[in-house]
Protein backbone atom coordinates (compact mmCIF):
# COMPACT_ATOMS: atom_id res chain seq x y z
CA MET A 1 -97.91 60.77 54.60
CA SER A 2 -94.44 61.43 55.99
CA GLN A 3 -91.97 58.60 56.25
CA PRO A 4 -90.93 57.40 59.74
CA THR A 5 -87.63 58.64 61.06
CA THR A 6 -84.74 56.18 61.05
CA ALA A 7 -84.92 55.79 64.82
CA GLN A 8 -88.61 54.84 64.94
CA PRO A 9 -88.52 51.59 62.93
CA ARG A 10 -85.29 50.52 64.62
CA LYS A 11 -86.76 51.03 68.08
CA ALA A 12 -89.95 49.21 67.15
CA ALA A 13 -88.03 46.31 65.60
CA LEU A 14 -85.75 46.02 68.64
CA ALA A 15 -88.68 46.10 71.06
CA ALA A 16 -90.55 43.49 69.03
CA TRP A 17 -87.42 41.32 68.83
CA ILE A 18 -86.77 41.36 72.57
CA GLY A 19 -90.40 40.94 73.54
CA SER A 20 -90.95 38.05 71.12
CA ALA A 21 -87.77 36.35 72.30
CA LEU A 22 -88.92 36.47 75.90
CA GLU A 23 -92.51 35.49 75.07
CA TYR A 24 -91.46 32.49 72.97
CA TYR A 25 -88.85 31.33 75.44
CA ASP A 26 -91.83 30.51 77.63
CA PHE A 27 -93.75 28.88 74.81
CA PHE A 28 -90.92 26.69 73.50
CA ILE A 29 -89.63 25.31 76.78
CA TYR A 30 -92.96 23.52 77.00
CA GLY A 31 -92.33 21.78 73.68
CA THR A 32 -88.89 20.60 74.78
CA ALA A 33 -90.22 19.32 78.09
CA ALA A 34 -93.11 17.56 76.31
CA ALA A 35 -90.67 15.73 74.05
CA LEU A 36 -88.25 14.75 76.83
CA VAL A 37 -90.02 14.28 80.18
CA PHE A 38 -93.76 15.03 80.30
CA GLY A 39 -94.75 11.56 79.14
CA ARG A 40 -93.17 10.04 82.25
CA VAL A 41 -94.10 12.83 84.69
CA PHE A 42 -97.77 13.33 83.80
CA PHE A 43 -98.72 10.08 81.97
CA PRO A 44 -96.70 7.38 83.77
CA GLY A 45 -99.35 4.66 83.48
CA SER A 46 -99.07 4.55 79.69
CA SER A 47 -96.57 2.73 77.53
CA ALA A 48 -93.53 4.76 76.48
CA ALA A 49 -94.93 5.39 72.99
CA THR A 50 -98.42 6.27 74.24
CA GLY A 51 -97.04 8.52 76.98
CA THR A 52 -94.96 10.42 74.45
CA LEU A 53 -97.96 10.73 72.12
CA LEU A 54 -100.12 12.12 74.96
CA ALA A 55 -97.39 14.56 76.02
CA LEU A 56 -97.02 15.82 72.45
CA ALA A 57 -100.81 16.19 72.26
CA THR A 58 -100.70 18.56 75.25
CA PHE A 59 -98.19 20.62 73.26
CA GLY A 60 -100.75 20.79 70.46
CA VAL A 61 -103.53 21.77 72.87
CA GLY A 62 -101.90 25.18 73.21
CA TYR A 63 -102.55 25.73 69.54
CA ILE A 64 -106.31 25.16 70.03
CA ALA A 65 -106.48 28.23 72.26
CA ARG A 66 -104.36 30.36 69.93
CA PRO A 67 -107.22 31.11 67.47
CA ILE A 68 -109.44 32.04 70.43
CA GLY A 69 -106.73 34.35 71.71
CA ALA A 70 -106.38 35.76 68.20
CA PHE A 71 -110.07 36.73 68.07
CA VAL A 72 -110.05 38.35 71.52
CA LEU A 73 -106.61 39.96 71.44
CA GLY A 74 -106.98 40.95 67.78
CA HIS A 75 -110.10 42.90 68.72
CA VAL A 76 -108.30 44.52 71.66
CA GLY A 77 -105.32 45.48 69.49
CA ASP A 78 -107.38 47.02 66.69
CA ARG A 79 -109.81 48.69 69.11
CA PHE A 80 -107.51 49.87 71.93
CA GLY A 81 -103.98 49.74 70.51
CA ARG A 82 -101.05 47.43 69.78
CA LYS A 83 -99.14 48.29 72.96
CA ARG A 84 -101.91 47.07 75.26
CA VAL A 85 -101.91 43.67 73.59
CA LEU A 86 -98.13 43.30 73.81
CA VAL A 87 -98.10 43.99 77.57
CA LEU A 88 -101.02 41.63 78.24
CA THR A 89 -99.62 38.70 76.24
CA VAL A 90 -96.23 38.58 77.90
CA LEU A 91 -97.71 38.88 81.41
CA LEU A 92 -100.17 36.03 80.88
CA MET A 93 -97.58 33.80 79.22
CA GLY A 94 -95.03 34.30 82.00
CA VAL A 95 -97.41 33.61 84.87
CA CYS A 96 -98.73 30.41 83.26
CA THR A 97 -95.23 29.17 82.53
CA PHE A 98 -94.10 29.69 86.12
CA LEU A 99 -97.16 27.81 87.40
CA ILE A 100 -96.45 24.84 85.10
CA GLY A 101 -93.09 24.51 86.84
CA CYS A 102 -94.92 24.29 90.17
CA LEU A 103 -97.32 21.49 89.16
CA PRO A 104 -97.19 18.25 91.19
CA ALA A 105 -96.56 15.07 89.20
CA TYR A 106 -99.18 12.42 88.43
CA SER A 107 -97.74 10.27 91.20
CA THR A 108 -98.64 12.99 93.73
CA ILE A 109 -102.15 14.19 92.77
CA GLY A 110 -103.22 11.70 90.12
CA VAL A 111 -105.34 12.75 87.13
CA ALA A 112 -105.55 16.34 88.41
CA ALA A 113 -101.92 16.82 87.30
CA PRO A 114 -102.47 16.41 83.53
CA ILE A 115 -105.75 18.35 83.79
CA LEU A 116 -103.97 21.33 85.35
CA LEU A 117 -101.18 20.99 82.80
CA VAL A 118 -103.63 21.18 79.91
CA THR A 119 -105.45 24.16 81.49
CA LEU A 120 -102.25 26.17 81.81
CA ARG A 121 -101.20 25.18 78.31
CA LEU A 122 -104.51 26.50 76.98
CA LEU A 123 -103.85 29.86 78.66
CA GLN A 124 -100.35 29.90 77.15
CA GLY A 125 -101.89 29.38 73.74
CA PHE A 126 -104.42 32.16 74.33
CA SER A 127 -101.54 34.55 75.06
CA ALA A 128 -99.51 33.46 72.02
CA GLY A 129 -102.58 34.08 69.85
CA GLY A 130 -101.98 37.82 69.89
CA GLU A 131 -98.21 38.03 70.38
CA GLN A 132 -96.67 37.85 66.92
CA ALA A 133 -99.51 39.71 65.21
CA GLY A 134 -99.18 42.54 67.73
CA ALA A 135 -95.40 42.73 67.34
CA ASN A 136 -95.63 42.51 63.54
CA SER A 137 -98.27 45.23 63.35
CA MET A 138 -96.23 47.47 65.62
CA THR A 139 -93.09 47.08 63.50
CA LEU A 140 -94.75 47.20 60.07
CA GLU A 141 -96.55 50.43 60.89
CA HIS A 142 -93.29 52.09 61.99
CA ALA A 143 -91.20 50.82 59.05
CA PRO A 144 -90.38 52.71 55.82
CA ALA A 145 -92.53 51.35 52.97
CA HIS A 146 -89.54 50.05 51.00
CA ARG A 147 -88.12 48.11 54.00
CA ARG A 148 -91.18 46.54 55.60
CA ALA A 149 -90.04 42.93 55.19
CA TYR A 150 -86.59 43.68 56.59
CA PHE A 151 -87.83 45.36 59.76
CA THR A 152 -90.69 42.95 60.43
CA SER A 153 -88.31 39.99 60.03
CA PHE A 154 -86.86 40.90 63.42
CA THR A 155 -90.07 39.78 65.10
CA LEU A 156 -89.37 36.27 63.79
CA SER A 157 -85.68 36.40 64.65
CA GLY A 158 -86.78 37.28 68.20
CA THR A 159 -88.95 34.18 68.18
CA GLN A 160 -85.96 32.13 66.99
CA PHE A 161 -83.80 33.54 69.77
CA GLY A 162 -86.50 32.58 72.26
CA GLN A 163 -86.25 29.04 70.94
CA ILE A 164 -82.45 29.12 71.23
CA LEU A 165 -82.74 30.31 74.82
CA ALA A 166 -85.34 27.66 75.65
CA THR A 167 -83.20 24.89 74.17
CA ALA A 168 -79.98 26.20 75.72
CA VAL A 169 -81.53 26.22 79.17
CA PHE A 170 -82.41 22.54 78.73
CA LEU A 171 -78.87 21.55 77.68
CA PRO A 172 -77.46 21.30 81.23
CA ILE A 173 -80.81 20.01 82.50
CA ALA A 174 -80.70 17.13 79.99
CA THR A 175 -77.40 15.91 81.46
CA LEU A 176 -78.87 15.44 84.95
CA PRO A 177 -79.38 11.92 86.32
CA GLU A 178 -82.79 10.51 85.38
CA GLU A 179 -84.25 10.86 88.89
CA ALA A 180 -83.19 14.48 89.24
CA LEU A 181 -84.42 15.32 85.73
CA LEU A 182 -87.88 13.90 86.37
CA SER A 183 -88.32 15.31 89.88
CA TRP A 184 -87.02 18.89 89.89
CA GLY A 185 -84.66 19.41 86.95
CA TRP A 186 -87.30 19.98 84.26
CA ARG A 187 -88.97 22.63 86.46
CA VAL A 188 -86.01 25.04 86.52
CA PRO A 189 -86.55 26.50 83.00
CA PHE A 190 -90.20 27.14 83.87
CA TRP A 191 -89.38 28.87 87.14
CA ALA A 192 -86.86 31.08 85.31
CA SER A 193 -89.81 32.70 83.51
CA SER A 194 -90.32 34.96 86.53
CA VAL A 195 -87.23 36.87 85.37
CA VAL A 196 -88.55 36.84 81.81
CA VAL A 197 -91.83 38.45 82.86
CA VAL A 198 -90.18 41.36 84.66
CA VAL A 199 -87.78 42.15 81.80
CA ALA A 200 -90.46 41.86 79.11
CA LEU A 201 -92.92 44.08 80.97
CA LEU A 202 -90.31 46.82 81.42
CA ILE A 203 -89.46 46.73 77.71
CA ARG A 204 -92.99 46.73 76.40
CA ARG A 205 -94.33 49.38 78.75
CA SER A 206 -91.71 51.73 77.30
CA LEU A 207 -93.04 51.31 73.73
CA ASP A 208 -94.82 54.14 71.93
CA GLU A 209 -98.08 53.37 70.16
CA THR A 210 -97.81 53.27 66.35
CA PRO A 211 -98.37 56.52 64.40
CA VAL A 212 -101.07 54.79 62.32
CA PHE A 213 -103.18 53.81 65.32
CA THR A 214 -102.58 57.13 67.09
CA ARG A 215 -103.78 58.98 64.00
CA GLU A 216 -106.93 56.83 63.80
CA GLN A 217 -107.65 57.61 67.46
CA GLN A 218 -107.21 61.34 66.92
CA GLN A 219 -109.50 61.28 63.87
CA ASN A 220 -112.10 59.02 65.56
CA GLU A 221 -111.60 56.37 62.87
CA VAL A 222 -110.89 53.38 65.14
CA GLU A 223 -113.34 50.58 64.39
CA LYS A 224 -115.62 49.72 67.30
CA LEU A 225 -116.20 46.24 65.85
CA PRO A 226 -113.06 45.43 63.85
CA LEU A 227 -113.98 41.74 63.53
CA ALA A 228 -117.22 42.63 61.73
CA VAL A 229 -115.29 44.75 59.23
CA LEU A 230 -112.63 42.05 58.86
CA PHE A 231 -115.04 39.28 57.91
CA ARG A 232 -117.23 41.53 55.79
CA ASP A 233 -114.48 43.04 53.61
CA HIS A 234 -111.32 40.96 54.06
CA TRP A 235 -112.37 37.33 54.60
CA ARG A 236 -110.50 36.17 51.47
CA SER A 237 -107.27 37.53 52.90
CA VAL A 238 -107.93 35.74 56.19
CA LEU A 239 -108.35 32.42 54.37
CA ARG A 240 -105.16 32.97 52.40
CA VAL A 241 -103.18 33.69 55.56
CA VAL A 242 -104.58 30.51 57.14
CA ALA A 243 -103.32 28.41 54.24
CA CYS A 244 -99.95 30.19 54.11
CA ALA A 245 -99.41 29.86 57.86
CA THR A 246 -99.40 26.06 57.68
CA ILE A 247 -95.68 26.41 56.84
CA ALA A 248 -95.19 26.46 60.62
CA THR A 249 -95.60 22.66 60.43
CA VAL A 250 -91.93 22.49 59.44
CA SER A 251 -90.99 24.26 62.67
CA THR A 252 -93.03 22.11 65.04
CA VAL A 253 -92.02 18.84 63.39
CA PHE A 254 -88.35 19.87 63.51
CA SER A 255 -88.46 21.21 67.08
CA VAL A 256 -90.74 18.68 68.77
CA TYR A 257 -91.44 15.53 66.74
CA ALA A 258 -87.93 15.05 65.34
CA LEU A 259 -86.44 15.57 68.81
CA SER A 260 -88.75 12.94 70.27
CA TYR A 261 -88.09 10.56 67.36
CA ALA A 262 -84.32 10.92 67.71
CA VAL A 263 -84.20 10.48 71.50
CA ASN A 264 -87.09 8.12 72.26
CA THR A 265 -87.12 5.95 69.12
CA GLU A 266 -83.55 5.98 67.79
CA GLY A 267 -81.83 6.37 71.19
CA LEU A 268 -79.70 9.33 70.12
CA SER A 269 -78.14 11.76 72.56
CA ARG A 270 -80.52 14.33 74.08
CA THR A 271 -77.72 16.85 74.32
CA ALA A 272 -76.61 16.44 70.70
CA MET A 273 -80.14 16.82 69.36
CA LEU A 274 -80.72 19.92 71.47
CA TRP A 275 -77.54 21.39 70.01
CA VAL A 276 -78.92 20.88 66.49
CA GLY A 277 -81.80 23.18 67.41
CA VAL A 278 -79.53 25.75 69.03
CA LEU A 279 -77.19 25.99 66.04
CA ALA A 280 -80.00 25.98 63.47
CA ASN A 281 -81.75 28.82 65.26
CA ALA A 282 -78.45 30.70 65.58
CA VAL A 283 -78.07 30.57 61.79
CA ALA A 284 -81.68 31.72 61.45
CA LEU A 285 -80.92 34.88 63.44
CA ALA A 286 -78.79 36.08 60.52
CA ALA A 287 -80.80 34.41 57.74
CA LEU A 288 -84.15 35.97 58.64
CA PRO A 289 -83.19 39.63 58.11
CA PHE A 290 -81.18 38.56 55.04
CA PHE A 291 -84.29 37.08 53.43
CA GLY A 292 -86.42 40.01 54.62
CA ASN A 293 -84.03 42.38 52.87
CA LEU A 294 -84.07 40.18 49.76
CA ALA A 295 -87.88 40.18 49.73
CA ASP A 296 -87.87 43.99 49.80
CA ARG A 297 -85.82 43.87 46.59
CA VAL A 298 -87.31 41.01 44.55
CA GLY A 299 -90.75 40.57 46.12
CA ARG A 300 -92.31 38.38 48.80
CA LYS A 301 -93.60 35.49 46.68
CA PRO A 302 -90.41 34.13 45.06
CA VAL A 303 -88.52 34.07 48.36
CA PHE A 304 -91.42 32.50 50.26
CA ILE A 305 -92.08 29.80 47.64
CA ALA A 306 -88.39 28.87 47.37
CA GLY A 307 -88.25 28.35 51.14
CA SER A 308 -91.39 26.20 51.16
CA LEU A 309 -90.19 23.92 48.36
CA GLY A 310 -86.77 23.59 49.95
CA CYS A 311 -88.29 22.49 53.26
CA ALA A 312 -90.47 19.90 51.51
CA VAL A 313 -87.35 18.24 50.09
CA LEU A 314 -84.98 18.64 53.03
CA MET A 315 -87.37 17.16 55.62
CA PHE A 316 -86.81 13.78 53.94
CA GLY A 317 -83.06 14.24 54.33
CA TYR A 318 -83.28 15.34 57.96
CA LEU A 319 -85.45 12.46 59.18
CA ALA A 320 -83.40 9.99 57.11
CA SER A 321 -80.20 11.24 58.74
CA ILE A 322 -81.75 10.71 62.20
CA SER A 323 -82.68 7.14 61.24
CA THR A 324 -79.04 6.42 60.37
CA GLY A 325 -77.69 7.92 63.59
CA ASN A 326 -75.06 9.87 61.64
CA TYR A 327 -74.54 12.96 63.80
CA VAL A 328 -72.55 14.88 61.18
CA LEU A 329 -75.33 14.43 58.64
CA ILE A 330 -77.98 15.32 61.23
CA PHE A 331 -76.24 18.60 62.07
CA VAL A 332 -75.57 19.59 58.45
CA VAL A 333 -79.05 18.85 57.09
CA GLY A 334 -80.84 20.16 60.18
CA ILE A 335 -78.98 23.47 60.15
CA VAL A 336 -79.36 23.95 56.38
CA MET A 337 -83.07 23.11 56.43
CA PHE A 338 -84.27 24.91 59.53
CA GLY A 339 -81.57 27.51 59.98
CA PHE A 340 -81.36 28.75 56.40
CA VAL A 341 -84.02 27.42 54.00
CA HIS A 342 -86.97 27.69 56.41
CA SER A 343 -85.87 31.25 57.19
CA ALA A 344 -86.79 32.21 53.62
CA THR A 345 -90.43 31.84 54.69
CA GLY A 346 -89.97 33.30 58.17
CA GLY A 347 -88.19 36.39 56.90
CA VAL A 348 -91.09 37.18 54.56
CA TRP A 349 -94.38 36.24 56.19
CA PRO A 350 -94.52 38.96 58.91
CA ALA A 351 -94.70 41.58 56.15
CA PHE A 352 -96.56 39.44 53.59
CA TYR A 353 -99.48 38.67 55.94
CA GLY A 354 -99.73 42.14 57.46
CA GLU A 355 -99.73 43.78 54.04
CA MET A 356 -102.98 42.00 53.12
CA PHE A 357 -104.95 44.14 55.60
CA PRO A 358 -105.56 47.85 56.28
CA ALA A 359 -104.42 49.23 59.63
CA ARG A 360 -107.88 49.23 61.21
CA VAL A 361 -108.13 45.39 61.05
CA ARG A 362 -104.47 44.45 60.58
CA LEU A 363 -103.86 42.93 64.00
CA SER A 364 -107.13 40.98 63.92
CA GLY A 365 -106.63 39.70 60.39
CA THR A 366 -103.02 38.68 60.92
CA ALA A 367 -103.67 37.12 64.31
CA ILE A 368 -106.73 35.09 63.31
CA GLY A 369 -105.29 33.91 60.00
CA THR A 370 -101.93 32.86 61.41
CA GLN A 371 -103.27 31.23 64.54
CA ILE A 372 -105.74 29.01 62.70
CA GLY A 373 -102.92 27.95 60.38
CA PHE A 374 -100.58 27.50 63.35
CA ALA A 375 -103.22 25.29 65.02
CA VAL A 376 -102.63 22.76 62.24
CA ALA A 377 -98.89 23.04 62.86
CA GLY A 378 -99.37 22.60 66.60
CA PHE A 379 -100.83 19.16 66.12
CA ALA A 380 -98.28 18.19 63.47
CA PRO A 381 -95.98 16.50 66.07
CA SER A 382 -98.79 14.28 67.37
CA ILE A 383 -100.03 13.58 63.82
CA SER A 384 -96.46 12.69 62.89
CA ALA A 385 -96.12 10.38 65.89
CA ALA A 386 -99.32 8.60 64.84
CA LEU A 387 -98.15 8.31 61.22
CA ALA A 388 -94.82 6.88 62.38
CA GLY A 389 -96.63 3.92 63.98
CA GLU A 390 -96.28 2.15 67.32
CA GLY A 391 -92.59 1.56 66.83
CA GLY A 392 -92.08 5.12 65.67
CA GLU A 393 -89.86 4.09 62.74
CA ASN A 394 -91.96 5.09 59.71
CA TRP A 395 -90.27 8.45 59.19
CA VAL A 396 -91.05 8.42 55.45
CA ALA A 397 -94.77 8.88 56.19
CA VAL A 398 -93.93 11.88 58.35
CA ALA A 399 -91.76 13.45 55.63
CA ILE A 400 -94.54 12.96 53.05
CA PHE A 401 -97.00 14.65 55.42
CA VAL A 402 -94.71 17.67 55.84
CA ALA A 403 -94.08 17.88 52.08
CA ALA A 404 -97.84 17.85 51.40
CA VAL A 405 -98.35 20.75 53.81
CA CYS A 406 -95.50 22.67 52.15
CA LEU A 407 -97.09 22.20 48.71
CA LEU A 408 -100.42 23.53 50.05
CA ASN A 409 -98.48 26.53 51.28
CA VAL A 410 -96.87 27.05 47.87
CA VAL A 411 -100.28 27.14 46.16
CA ALA A 412 -101.64 29.64 48.70
CA VAL A 413 -98.65 31.97 48.35
CA GLY A 414 -98.38 31.62 44.57
CA THR A 415 -102.01 32.58 43.93
CA GLY A 416 -101.84 35.67 46.15
CA LYS A 417 -100.76 39.24 45.39
CA ASP A 418 -97.30 40.63 46.11
CA TYR A 419 -97.59 43.99 47.91
CA VAL A 420 -93.90 44.85 47.86
CA ARG A 421 -94.46 48.07 45.86
CA THR A 422 -97.71 49.17 47.57
CA PRO A 423 -97.47 52.25 49.84
CA THR A 424 -98.18 51.45 53.49
CA GLU A 425 -101.26 53.70 53.70
CA GLN A 426 -102.84 51.86 50.72
CA LEU A 427 -102.34 48.32 52.02
CA GLY A 428 -105.47 46.20 52.18
CA LEU A 429 -107.78 48.74 50.56
CA GLU A 430 -108.47 46.93 47.26
CA PRO A 431 -111.31 44.67 48.55
CA VAL A 432 -113.12 47.66 50.05
CA ARG A 433 -112.73 49.75 46.89
CA ALA A 434 -113.90 46.89 44.67
CA LYS A 435 -117.01 46.43 46.83
CA ALA A 436 -117.74 50.15 46.73
CA ALA A 437 -117.38 50.19 42.93
CA VAL A 438 -119.89 47.34 42.57
CA GLY A 439 -122.39 49.13 44.78
CA ALA A 440 -121.99 52.47 42.99
C-alpha cells in the first residue's frame, strides 16, 4: 500500500480540527449554562442545591443518547462513508443548539420547558455519538503509519478549542446583571450556533472520502452489517475502549462540576473560574499534538498511563485549591492538570482506540466504545454533586471518585496491546486471524 502524500493527512487533520471545534462549541456551551443558570431558569421551584443537581443531570442526559447515536451513526459511517456522518452530525448539533436558545423558561410554559430542554439535549447527544469517531477515522486513515497519533491528536485539540470558544463566549455574558443573564443573556451563545452550522457544513462538504473506504467501495468489500461483524469478531476491543474512555470523567468534572462547586458552593467569581477553563484548554492546544508526537516515538501505553495517574493525583489538589479560595493556586493546578497532564491521554486515545479495529468496522467500534465510556463521564458531575452532599462541601469524596475512575482506566490501558509499530492496513486483524486459525 502506498503512503499518503504529505498534503492528505494535513488536510484531513485540519478539517477534523475545525469541524470538531465547531461541533463541540455547541456541546460545551450547554455544560456551562447548566452549571451557571439552568437551575434557576428551568427548575426554579427547587432549592438552589437541588436545582443545580437537576440542571447538571440534564447535562448528563446528553450522554445517554450518545451510545445510541454511536450505534446508528457508526453503522452509517462504516456502510456509507465517513464524510456523510461528519456532515450529518454537525447539522443536527447546530439546529438543536439554536433551538435550546429559543426555549421559554419554566415561568412561561411550566413543566414543558424542562421536557423540551431534555429532548433537545438528547438529540445533541445523538449527534455527538458519531462526531469524534468519524473525525478520528477520517484522519487516521489519511495519516502516515508512523505518525498516526500525531495527526489524530488534532481532532482532540479541535474539541479543546471548541471548549475554549464556548467558555470565552460566556465570559462577557457572565458579567451581565442577574436579571439580564437569566432572561436573554444565556441565550446568545446558543443563537450564535447558526453561524457555526454554516461554517461547519461548508468545511465538511469539501472533504474527500478516505482512501481506505473508497478502496473498499471499489472492491465491493464494504460490510452491509458492520455491527454484526464488530460484535462477532471485535467485542473484546469494544469493551476495552469502553473502560479506557472513562478517562473523560476528568474532563466533565473539571469543566462542569468544579465550576458549579466553585461558583455556587464556595462563592468564587464566575469570570475567574471561566478563565481557568480558557487558559487550561489553550495550553492543551499545544500539549495534545506534543503528546501525540511522543506516543508515535515511545508508544501509546506509557504516555496514556502517565496522564491517567497524574490526573488521579492532581484532582485532589484542584478541588482543594477551590475550597481555599486561593485563585493563584486554582489557576496553577487547574492549568497543569487539565491543560497539560490530561492532554497526555487526549493526545493518544484517538489513535489508540482506532488502531484496535480494522477499517470496515473502525467507526462503529470507536464510536460505540467511546460513547458508552463517555456516558459514565457525562453523569460524573451529577454523581459528584451527590457525593459532595447537600452543602456541597465534601470535595474529598469527589476527588476519590475521580481517582478510582482513573485507576480503572490505567488497568484497561495497561492490559491492552500497543499498536504503534503495526502497519495501518494490518490494524485490527488479529482477532479475525486467530478465529480463522481455530476453525481451520
